C-alpha atoms as a PDB file:
ATOM      1  CA  MET A   1      -0.257  -0.291   0.517  1.00  0.00           C
ATOM      2  CA  PRO A   2       3.114   2.771   0.318  1.00  0.00           C
ATOM      3  CA  VAL A   3       4.312   1.848  -2.471  1.00  0.00           C
ATOM      4  CA  VAL A   4       0.877   2.710  -4.054  1.00  0.00           C
ATOM      5  CA  ALA A   5       0.865   6.163  -2.300  1.00  0.00           C
ATOM      6  CA  ILE A   6       4.464   7.248  -3.320  1.00  0.00           C
ATOM      7  CA  ALA A   7       3.683   6.056  -6.834  1.00  0.00           C
ATOM      8  CA  VAL A   8       0.885   7.903  -7.471  1.00  0.00           C
ATOM      9  CA  ALA A   9       2.407  10.822  -5.677  1.00  0.00           C
ATOM     10  CA  THR A  10       5.636  10.864  -7.641  1.00  0.00           C
ATOM     11  CA  ALA A  11       3.410  10.660 -10.194  1.00  0.00           C
ATOM     12  CA  GLY A  12       1.602  13.903  -9.238  1.00  0.00           C
ATOM     13  CA  ILE A  13       4.869  15.406  -8.492  1.00  0.00           C
ATOM     14  CA  VAL A  14       5.729  15.376 -12.563  1.00  0.00           C
ATOM     15  CA  LEU A  15       2.343  15.991 -13.514  1.00  0.00           C
ATOM     16  CA  LEU A  16       2.863  19.274 -11.479  1.00  0.00           C
ATOM     17  CA  LEU A  17       6.326  20.197 -12.984  1.00  0.00           C
ATOM     18  CA  LYS A  18       5.800  18.932 -17.020  1.00  0.00           C
ATOM     19  CA  GLY A  19       2.197  21.480 -16.533  1.00  0.00           C
ATOM     20  CA  ALA A  20       4.445  24.196 -15.025  1.00  0.00           C
ATOM     21  CA  ALA A  21       7.057  23.458 -18.009  1.00  0.00           C
ATOM     22  CA  GLU A  22       4.367  23.473 -20.510  1.00  0.00           C
ATOM     23  CA  GLY A  23       1.793  26.490 -18.822  1.00  0.00           C
ATOM     24  CA  ARG A  24      -0.594  23.537 -19.340  1.00  0.00           C
ATOM     25  CA  TRP A  25      -2.795  24.311 -16.531  1.00  0.00           C
ATOM     26  CA  ALA A  26      -5.845  20.667 -16.868  1.00  0.00           C
ATOM     27  CA  LEU A  27      -1.889  19.169 -15.667  1.00  0.00           C
ATOM     28  CA  LEU A  28      -1.076  21.453 -13.411  1.00  0.00           C
ATOM     29  CA  ALA A  29      -4.130  20.548 -11.909  1.00  0.00           C
ATOM     30  CA  SER A  30      -4.444  17.142 -11.716  1.00  0.00           C
ATOM     31  CA  GLY A  31      -1.107  17.166 -10.961  1.00  0.00           C
ATOM     32  CA  SER A  32      -1.503  18.210  -7.385  1.00  0.00           C
ATOM     33  CA  SER A  33      -4.419  16.571  -6.665  1.00  0.00           C
ATOM     34  CA  CYS A  34      -1.862  13.852  -7.782  1.00  0.00           C
ATOM     35  CA  ALA A  35       0.341  14.883  -5.336  1.00  0.00           C
ATOM     36  CA  PHE A  36      -1.601  15.918  -2.384  1.00  0.00           C
ATOM     37  CA  ALA A  37      -4.530  13.286  -2.359  1.00  0.00           C
ATOM     38  CA  PRO A  38      -2.020  10.303  -0.714  1.00  0.00           C
ATOM     39  CA  GLY A  39      -1.350  13.078   2.495  1.00  0.00           C
ATOM     40  CA  TRP A  40      -5.243  13.098   3.149  1.00  0.00           C
ATOM     41  CA  PRO A  41      -6.076   9.510   3.957  1.00  0.00           C
ATOM     42  CA  VAL A  42      -2.481   9.072   6.353  1.00  0.00           C
ATOM     43  CA  ALA A  43      -3.412  12.451   7.826  1.00  0.00           C
ATOM     44  CA  ARG A  44      -7.416  10.847   8.970  1.00  0.00           C
ATOM     45  CA  LEU A  45      -5.757   7.536   9.825  1.00  0.00           C
ATOM     46  CA  LEU A  46      -3.136   9.690  12.416  1.00  0.00           C
ATOM     47  CA  ASP A  47      -6.448  11.621  13.441  1.00  0.00           C
ATOM     48  CA  MET A  48      -8.233   7.979  14.393  1.00  0.00           C
ATOM     49  CA  ARG A  49      -5.150   6.520  16.027  1.00  0.00           C
ATOM     50  CA  ARG A  50      -4.971   9.560  18.243  1.00  0.00           C
ATOM     51  CA  PHE A  51      -8.612   9.622  19.415  1.00  0.00           C
ATOM     52  CA  ASN A  52      -7.977   5.334  20.093  1.00  0.00           C
ATOM     53  CA  ILE A  53      -5.294   5.730  22.225  1.00  0.00           C
ATOM     54  CA  ILE A  54      -7.594   8.875  24.091  1.00  0.00           C
ATOM     55  CA  LEU A  55     -10.370   6.170  24.431  1.00  0.00           C
ATOM     56  CA  GLN A  56      -8.183   3.618  25.256  1.00  0.00           C
ATOM     57  CA  SER A  57      -6.540   5.157  28.644  1.00  0.00           C
ATOM     58  CA  LEU A  58      -9.993   6.864  29.293  1.00  0.00           C
ATOM     59  CA  PRO A  59     -11.021   3.685  31.929  1.00  0.00           C
ATOM     60  CA  GLU A  60      -7.146   3.959  33.406  1.00  0.00           C
ATOM     61  CA  ILE A  61      -7.807   7.584  33.940  1.00  0.00           C
ATOM     62  CA  ILE A  62     -10.799   7.082  35.605  1.00  0.00           C
ATOM     63  CA  ARG A  63      -9.637   3.921  37.946  1.00  0.00           C
ATOM     64  CA  MET A  64      -6.863   6.061  39.333  1.00  0.00           C
ATOM     65  CA  SER A  65      -8.877   8.363  40.546  1.00  0.00           C
ATOM     66  CA  ASP A  66     -10.205   7.425  44.034  1.00  0.00           C
ATOM     67  CA  THR A  67     -11.781  10.628  45.580  1.00  0.00           C
ATOM     68  CA  LYS A  68     -15.495  11.712  44.894  1.00  0.00           C
ATOM     69  CA  GLY A  69     -13.624  14.836  44.041  1.00  0.00           C
ATOM     70  CA  ARG A  70     -11.800  14.206  41.560  1.00  0.00           C
ATOM     71  CA  LYS A  71     -13.732  11.701  39.546  1.00  0.00           C
ATOM     72  CA  GLU A  72     -16.149  15.077  39.486  1.00  0.00           C
ATOM     73  CA  LEU A  73     -11.884  16.423  37.929  1.00  0.00           C
ATOM     74  CA  THR A  74     -11.769  13.661  35.566  1.00  0.00           C
ATOM     75  CA  PHE A  75     -15.213  13.378  33.976  1.00  0.00           C
ATOM     76  CA  ARG A  76     -14.094  17.726  33.473  1.00  0.00           C
ATOM     77  CA  PHE A  77     -11.559  16.578  31.884  1.00  0.00           C
ATOM     78  CA  VAL A  78     -12.410  13.774  29.521  1.00  0.00           C
ATOM     79  CA  GLU A  79     -15.722  16.071  28.754  1.00  0.00           C
ATOM     80  CA  LYS A  80     -13.433  19.143  27.040  1.00  0.00           C
ATOM     81  CA  LEU A  81     -10.660  16.264  26.234  1.00  0.00           C
ATOM     82  CA  ILE A  82     -13.907  15.117  24.112  1.00  0.00           C
ATOM     83  CA  ASP A  83     -14.778  18.399  22.801  1.00  0.00           C
ATOM     84  CA  LYS A  84     -11.566  18.601  21.138  1.00  0.00           C
ATOM     85  CA  LEU A  85     -11.700  15.727  19.294  1.00  0.00           C
END
């Protein structure tokens, strides 16, 4: 899979350079979409991974809070954390 992404990005960069050299906007547009398209799914996967790590750590954080006041602070922290995502 990474080989395909690298190939698509390389083809996009080549199209960008060729379009810029020839002054053809169609090549520039298609080249830019090919060059930057592999980055979007990677960024989305990294966001999902970060959210998964947070969700996995929540039970341990709640378990570590032993008093009622600490649990309330923990729940407020979790709410703020979820709102940020």
